[in-house]
Amino acid sequence: MKILHLLASPFWSGPAENVALLALAQREAGHEVTVAVDRRRTEVASEEPAVPRFEALGLLDEGGLELSVKSRPWKVWSDTRRLRARSVDVVHAHFTHDHLVARWGRPRGAVLIRSVHASRSLRASLPHADAYTVPSSSLITRLVGRRVRVLPPLVDPMFRPAEEREALRKEMGLTGAPLVGMVSTFQASRRHALGVEAFARLRQKNAGARLVLVGDGGLVEPVREQVRGLGLEEGVTFAGYQQGEAFARWLRALDEVWVLGLGNDWSARAAAQARASGVRVVAVEEGNLPSLADALVEELTPEAVVAASESGAGARVAHPSNARIAADVIALYEQARAER
């Protein structure tokens, strides 16, 4: 099967890694797969660019699509014409812009699949597709009458438990127990302020506790101010932005990850990565987090976060492999092709 994924973003963030892992798993299953990304926005100052990543994986589509929300109207029209001239079996759109281009430029005989990665994309104006995926089962009811399947987060093999966690911590200069982390961009939806407040209460009970904050973003400095204001400087490590194997090392060094909010990827990939790394997950009931959390935070208060952290609860459900997820998506494609 010849598959073209459309991802109108220049960033290696949000759904980009999940799309790449899905495409790789589909290719490993014997399909011809490429990914078209935003080729207009080449200057990406604050985030890692997507083009080099997809290029290194051998997935980058070179079909001439600009595929950008910043495209001029005539460039969007050009994209629809270029896409219509392609010979593919499946066009898999991941953002609204992709969906609109594919809706008007669908190649002859191709099926159109739309992945919804965040609940805000589920609007009454959602264009037609032959099938859809959503990041969590709670969103299926919003697509009643349409062919839909859950697309869970895929996990890179580099996320694995530490062979010697204590040795790894020593190497990284990390001390304290429990070692709690938050691994996300510093933005309001991720609720770092709530995490710091909760950690302050946890540290009152356990002076040896340490909080590791991995990531960057616009709210780093306000969170630093909050940490200083609570007198927590000795117990909090700001690890900055990490990527690739470096990020995986930080993650596997932790005892527990707090996921207190999601951004534009409701599949909750960070929680799946933590689980694969042998790290306990404490999370709010948002997106796909309930299916990945060891303990759920019952309300958005510091006390509830600490209670979930101290509960000792653990999940027993194994996360599906990338190959299994890819096979399920291919089955969705085949069903859509058979029923057109």
Protein backbone atom coordinates (compact mmCIF):
# COMPACT_ATOMS: atom_id res chain seq x y z
CA MET A 1 0.00 0.00 0.00
CA LYS A 2 1.29 3.50 -0.85
CA ILE A 3 0.66 5.89 2.05
CA LEU A 4 1.17 9.66 2.23
CA HIS A 5 0.93 11.35 5.63
CA LEU A 6 0.27 15.11 5.66
CA LEU A 7 1.59 17.07 8.65
CA ALA A 8 1.28 20.85 8.23
CA SER A 9 3.85 21.72 10.87
CA PRO A 10 7.56 22.64 10.72
CA PHE A 11 8.14 21.45 14.30
CA TRP A 12 9.33 18.16 15.75
CA SER A 13 6.76 18.45 18.52
CA GLY A 14 3.11 17.71 19.19
CA PRO A 15 2.01 14.78 17.00
CA ALA A 16 5.15 14.80 14.80
CA GLU A 17 7.01 12.03 16.63
CA ASN A 18 3.89 9.86 16.77
CA VAL A 19 3.38 10.32 13.02
CA ALA A 20 7.02 9.39 12.38
CA LEU A 21 6.82 6.24 14.51
CA LEU A 22 3.57 5.21 12.86
CA ALA A 23 5.07 5.75 9.40
CA LEU A 24 8.17 3.73 10.34
CA ALA A 25 6.07 0.86 11.67
CA GLN A 26 3.95 0.91 8.52
CA ARG A 27 7.10 0.86 6.38
CA GLU A 28 8.51 -2.05 8.41
CA ALA A 29 5.27 -3.91 7.65
CA GLY A 30 6.05 -3.63 3.94
CA HIS A 31 4.21 -0.47 2.87
CA GLU A 32 5.60 2.52 0.95
CA VAL A 33 5.27 5.51 3.27
CA THR A 34 6.29 9.17 3.17
CA VAL A 35 5.45 12.22 5.31
CA ALA A 36 4.91 15.72 3.88
CA VAL A 37 5.52 18.58 6.33
CA ASP A 38 5.46 22.38 6.28
CA ARG A 39 8.23 23.44 3.89
CA ARG A 40 7.50 27.19 4.05
CA ARG A 41 8.50 27.95 7.63
CA THR A 42 12.21 27.14 7.52
CA GLU A 43 13.26 29.40 10.41
CA VAL A 44 12.24 27.58 13.61
CA ALA A 45 13.81 29.51 16.47
CA SER A 46 12.32 28.01 19.62
CA GLU A 47 11.67 24.38 18.66
CA GLU A 48 13.44 21.58 16.85
CA PRO A 49 12.65 21.55 13.11
CA ALA A 50 10.83 18.55 11.66
CA VAL A 51 12.43 18.40 8.20
CA PRO A 52 15.89 17.11 9.31
CA ARG A 53 14.25 14.47 11.51
CA PHE A 54 11.98 13.07 8.79
CA GLU A 55 14.82 13.31 6.28
CA ALA A 56 17.16 11.31 8.53
CA LEU A 57 14.50 8.62 8.90
CA GLY A 58 14.06 8.39 5.14
CA LEU A 59 10.41 9.43 5.46
CA LEU A 60 10.46 12.99 4.11
CA ASP A 61 8.16 13.43 1.12
CA GLU A 62 9.67 15.31 -1.82
CA GLY A 63 6.48 15.72 -3.84
CA GLY A 64 6.63 19.52 -3.87
CA LEU A 65 3.90 20.25 -1.31
CA GLU A 66 4.39 23.46 0.69
CA LEU A 67 1.71 22.38 3.17
CA SER A 68 1.73 25.38 5.48
CA VAL A 69 -0.93 27.31 7.33
CA LYS A 70 1.11 30.36 6.28
CA SER A 71 0.80 29.55 2.57
CA ARG A 72 -0.65 32.13 0.21
CA PRO A 73 -4.02 31.13 -1.32
CA TRP A 74 -2.43 30.35 -4.68
CA LYS A 75 0.10 28.08 -2.96
CA VAL A 76 -2.71 26.18 -1.24
CA TRP A 77 -4.37 25.80 -4.63
CA SER A 78 -1.06 24.59 -6.04
CA ASP A 79 -0.83 22.02 -3.23
CA THR A 80 -4.30 20.67 -4.04
CA ARG A 81 -3.34 20.29 -7.70
CA ARG A 82 -0.02 18.62 -6.88
CA LEU A 83 -1.71 16.25 -4.46
CA ARG A 84 -4.47 15.36 -6.95
CA ALA A 85 -1.77 14.34 -9.45
CA ARG A 86 -0.14 11.90 -7.02
CA SER A 87 -0.56 8.14 -7.20
CA VAL A 88 -1.22 6.93 -3.66
CA ASP A 89 -3.64 4.54 -1.97
CA VAL A 90 -4.05 6.46 1.28
CA VAL A 91 -3.80 10.14 2.23
CA HIS A 92 -3.60 10.38 6.02
CA ALA A 93 -4.18 13.97 7.19
CA HIS A 94 -3.13 15.03 10.68
CA PHE A 95 -4.08 18.72 10.98
CA THR A 96 -7.03 20.80 9.79
CA HIS A 97 -4.98 22.42 7.02
CA ASP A 98 -3.92 18.97 5.79
CA HIS A 99 -7.53 17.80 5.84
CA LEU A 100 -8.74 20.73 3.76
CA VAL A 101 -5.96 20.32 1.17
CA ALA A 102 -6.66 16.57 0.99
CA ARG A 103 -10.42 17.12 0.85
CA TRP A 104 -10.08 19.19 -2.34
CA GLY A 105 -6.97 17.50 -3.74
CA ARG A 106 -7.64 13.83 -3.05
CA PRO A 107 -5.90 11.66 -5.67
CA ARG A 108 -8.13 9.46 -7.77
CA GLY A 109 -8.87 6.17 -5.99
CA ALA A 110 -7.22 7.18 -2.69
CA VAL A 111 -8.96 6.98 0.67
CA LEU A 112 -8.76 9.95 3.02
CA ILE A 113 -8.07 9.34 6.70
CA ARG A 114 -8.09 12.11 9.31
CA SER A 115 -6.33 11.84 12.66
CA VAL A 116 -7.68 14.19 15.31
CA HIS A 117 -4.89 14.79 17.84
CA ALA A 118 -6.68 17.15 20.26
CA SER A 119 -10.30 17.57 21.27
CA ARG A 120 -10.45 21.18 20.05
CA SER A 121 -10.20 19.89 16.46
CA LEU A 122 -13.54 18.09 16.81
CA ARG A 123 -15.85 20.79 15.52
CA ALA A 124 -19.15 20.71 13.67
CA SER A 125 -17.24 21.96 10.63
CA LEU A 126 -14.92 18.92 10.60
CA PRO A 127 -14.63 18.00 6.90
CA HIS A 128 -15.65 14.58 5.63
CA ALA A 129 -13.13 11.73 5.54
CA ASP A 130 -13.45 8.01 4.86
CA ALA A 131 -12.30 7.24 8.41
CA TYR A 132 -10.95 8.98 11.49
CA THR A 133 -8.66 8.31 14.41
CA VAL A 134 -8.89 9.98 17.83
CA PRO A 135 -6.34 10.01 20.66
CA SER A 136 -8.66 8.63 23.36
CA SER A 137 -11.77 6.50 23.60
CA SER A 138 -13.65 9.36 25.33
CA LEU A 139 -13.77 11.21 21.99
CA ILE A 140 -15.34 8.41 19.94
CA THR A 141 -18.87 9.45 20.90
CA ARG A 142 -18.28 12.83 19.23
CA LEU A 143 -17.97 11.06 15.87
CA VAL A 144 -21.12 8.96 16.03
CA GLY A 145 -22.03 7.49 12.67
CA ARG A 146 -18.48 7.73 11.29
CA ARG A 147 -15.77 5.09 10.96
CA VAL A 148 -13.38 5.82 13.84
CA ARG A 149 -10.61 4.14 15.83
CA VAL A 150 -8.35 5.16 18.72
CA LEU A 151 -4.74 5.87 17.73
CA PRO A 152 -2.63 5.36 20.89
CA PRO A 153 0.84 6.88 21.29
CA LEU A 154 3.68 4.94 19.70
CA VAL A 155 6.93 4.67 21.67
CA ASP A 156 10.51 4.77 20.39
CA PRO A 157 12.60 1.72 21.46
CA MET A 158 15.08 4.04 23.20
CA PHE A 159 12.53 4.40 26.01
CA ARG A 160 13.36 1.43 28.23
CA PRO A 161 13.98 0.85 31.95
CA ALA A 162 17.39 1.73 33.35
CA GLU A 163 19.72 -1.22 33.85
CA GLU A 164 21.24 0.46 36.92
CA ARG A 165 19.06 3.38 37.96
CA GLU A 166 21.18 4.39 40.95
CA ALA A 167 24.34 4.41 38.82
CA LEU A 168 22.55 6.49 36.19
CA ARG A 169 21.43 9.01 38.81
CA LYS A 170 24.93 9.28 40.21
CA GLU A 171 26.30 9.88 36.71
CA MET A 172 23.71 12.63 36.16
CA GLY A 173 24.31 14.23 39.56
CA LEU A 174 20.79 13.50 40.79
CA THR A 175 20.08 12.83 44.44
CA GLY A 176 16.97 12.43 46.54
CA ALA A 177 14.01 10.11 46.82
CA PRO A 178 11.42 9.99 45.57
CA LEU A 179 12.71 11.51 42.35
CA VAL A 180 9.67 13.09 40.69
CA GLY A 181 9.66 14.63 37.22
CA MET A 182 7.55 16.77 34.92
CA VAL A 183 8.56 16.44 31.26
CA SER A 184 6.82 18.98 29.06
CA THR A 185 6.90 22.45 27.58
CA PHE A 186 6.40 25.19 30.18
CA GLN A 187 2.96 26.41 29.19
CA ALA A 188 -0.24 27.01 31.13
CA SER A 189 -1.96 23.80 29.98
CA ARG A 190 0.76 21.66 31.59
CA ARG A 191 0.11 23.12 35.08
CA HIS A 192 3.71 23.39 36.33
CA ALA A 193 2.54 25.80 39.03
CA LEU A 194 0.25 23.10 40.42
CA GLY A 195 3.13 20.61 40.30
CA VAL A 196 5.45 22.91 42.25
CA GLU A 197 2.76 23.56 44.89
CA ALA A 198 2.20 19.82 45.22
CA PHE A 199 5.93 19.17 45.47
CA ALA A 200 6.20 21.74 48.28
CA ARG A 201 3.67 19.67 50.27
CA LEU A 202 5.38 16.41 49.38
CA ARG A 203 8.73 17.79 50.55
CA GLN A 204 7.20 18.81 53.88
CA LYS A 205 6.48 15.12 54.44
CA ASN A 206 9.71 13.86 52.88
CA ALA A 207 12.67 16.23 52.98
CA GLY A 208 14.64 14.00 50.62
CA ALA A 209 12.21 14.36 47.71
CA ARG A 210 13.46 16.00 44.51
CA LEU A 211 11.56 17.50 41.56
CA VAL A 212 13.13 17.44 38.08
CA LEU A 213 11.61 19.77 35.47
CA VAL A 214 12.59 18.81 31.91
CA GLY A 215 11.65 21.21 29.13
CA ASP A 216 11.61 24.85 28.11
CA GLY A 217 9.01 27.42 27.17
CA GLY A 218 7.57 30.79 28.03
CA LEU A 219 6.74 30.01 31.66
CA VAL A 220 10.17 28.81 32.79
CA GLU A 221 11.01 32.04 34.60
CA PRO A 222 7.65 32.35 36.42
CA VAL A 223 8.09 28.78 37.64
CA ARG A 224 11.65 29.59 38.79
CA GLU A 225 10.22 32.54 40.73
CA GLN A 226 7.63 30.25 42.30
CA VAL A 227 10.32 27.76 43.32
CA ARG A 228 12.39 30.53 44.90
CA GLY A 229 9.34 31.97 46.63
CA LEU A 230 8.59 28.61 48.25
CA GLY A 231 12.21 28.09 49.27
CA LEU A 232 12.54 24.95 47.15
CA GLU A 233 15.75 25.76 45.24
CA GLU A 234 17.67 22.90 46.88
CA GLY A 235 15.01 20.38 45.92
CA VAL A 236 14.24 21.34 42.30
CA THR A 237 16.36 20.70 39.21
CA PHE A 238 15.68 22.59 35.98
CA ALA A 239 17.07 20.23 33.33
CA GLY A 240 16.18 22.39 30.32
CA TYR A 241 15.15 21.14 26.90
CA GLN A 242 16.32 17.59 26.20
CA GLN A 243 15.91 15.49 23.10
CA GLY A 244 16.62 12.01 21.80
CA GLU A 245 18.68 9.69 23.97
CA ALA A 246 19.48 12.52 26.41
CA PHE A 247 15.77 12.95 27.13
CA ALA A 248 15.32 9.18 27.49
CA ARG A 249 18.15 9.11 30.07
CA TRP A 250 16.52 11.85 32.17
CA LEU A 251 13.21 10.03 32.01
CA ARG A 252 14.50 6.61 33.02
CA ALA A 253 16.35 8.12 35.99
CA LEU A 254 13.04 9.11 37.62
CA ASP A 255 10.83 7.23 40.06
CA GLU A 256 7.66 8.95 38.98
CA VAL A 257 6.34 11.40 36.38
CA TRP A 258 3.52 13.86 37.03
CA VAL A 259 1.49 14.64 33.90
CA LEU A 260 -0.87 17.38 35.03
CA GLY A 261 -2.11 18.58 31.64
CA LEU A 262 -1.76 18.04 27.91
CA GLY A 263 -0.88 20.33 25.03
CA ASN A 264 -1.76 19.71 21.38
CA ASP A 265 -1.27 15.93 21.52
CA TRP A 266 -3.99 14.23 23.53
CA SER A 267 -2.54 10.76 22.99
CA ALA A 268 -0.37 11.48 26.09
CA ARG A 269 2.87 10.27 24.53
CA ALA A 270 5.00 11.37 27.51
CA ALA A 271 3.03 9.05 29.79
CA ALA A 272 3.55 6.13 27.41
CA GLN A 273 7.28 6.91 27.23
CA ALA A 274 7.47 6.99 31.02
CA ARG A 275 5.66 3.66 31.35
CA ALA A 276 8.04 2.11 28.79
CA SER A 277 10.95 3.46 30.87
CA GLY A 278 9.71 1.73 34.02
CA VAL A 279 8.61 5.02 35.58
CA ARG A 280 5.36 5.35 37.50
CA VAL A 281 2.82 7.81 36.05
CA VAL A 282 0.59 10.13 38.11
CA ALA A 283 -1.80 12.01 35.84
CA VAL A 284 -4.95 14.07 35.56
CA GLU A 285 -8.03 12.68 33.80
CA GLU A 286 -7.45 14.30 30.42
CA GLY A 287 -7.16 12.90 26.90
CA ASN A 288 -5.64 9.42 26.81
CA LEU A 289 -4.03 9.74 30.25
CA PRO A 290 -6.56 7.51 32.09
CA SER A 291 -5.45 4.53 30.00
CA LEU A 292 -1.76 5.14 30.80
CA ALA A 293 -1.71 6.41 34.39
CA ASP A 294 -0.78 4.33 37.41
CA ALA A 295 -2.73 6.77 39.59
CA LEU A 296 -5.22 9.47 38.62
CA VAL A 297 -5.39 12.87 40.29
CA GLU A 298 -9.01 13.27 41.42
CA GLU A 299 -9.06 17.07 41.42
CA LEU A 300 -6.71 19.88 40.43
CA THR A 301 -5.33 20.62 43.88
CA PRO A 302 -1.86 20.13 45.37
CA GLU A 303 -3.36 17.81 48.00
CA ALA A 304 -4.92 15.57 45.34
CA VAL A 305 -1.62 15.34 43.42
CA VAL A 306 0.23 14.30 46.58
CA ALA A 307 -2.49 11.80 47.46
CA ALA A 308 -2.20 10.16 44.04
CA SER A 309 1.58 10.15 44.32
CA GLU A 310 1.49 8.47 47.72
CA SER A 311 -1.28 6.01 46.83
CA GLY A 312 1.05 3.33 45.55
CA ALA A 313 -1.46 2.42 42.84
CA GLY A 314 -0.10 0.79 39.70
CA ALA A 315 -1.53 0.04 36.26
CA ARG A 316 -1.66 -3.54 35.05
CA VAL A 317 -2.53 -3.07 31.38
CA ALA A 318 0.30 -3.50 28.86
CA HIS A 319 0.64 -0.84 26.17
CA PRO A 320 0.36 -2.19 22.59
CA SER A 321 3.51 -2.41 20.49
CA ASN A 322 4.18 -0.04 17.60
CA ALA A 323 3.71 -2.96 15.19
CA ARG A 324 0.30 -3.75 16.67
CA ILE A 325 -0.82 -0.11 16.47
CA ALA A 326 0.36 0.16 12.86
CA ALA A 327 -1.47 -3.06 11.96
CA ASP A 328 -4.69 -1.68 13.45
CA VAL A 329 -4.35 1.53 11.43
CA ILE A 330 -3.66 -0.44 8.24
CA ALA A 331 -6.81 -2.48 8.96
CA LEU A 332 -8.72 0.83 9.20
CA TYR A 333 -7.32 1.88 5.80
CA GLU A 334 -8.36 -1.44 4.27
CA GLN A 335 -11.84 -1.21 5.71
CA ALA A 336 -12.23 2.31 4.36
CA ARG A 337 -11.02 1.20 0.90
CA ALA A 338 -13.39 -1.78 0.87
CA GLU A 339 -16.42 0.30 1.83
CA ARG A 340 -15.92 3.29 -0.46
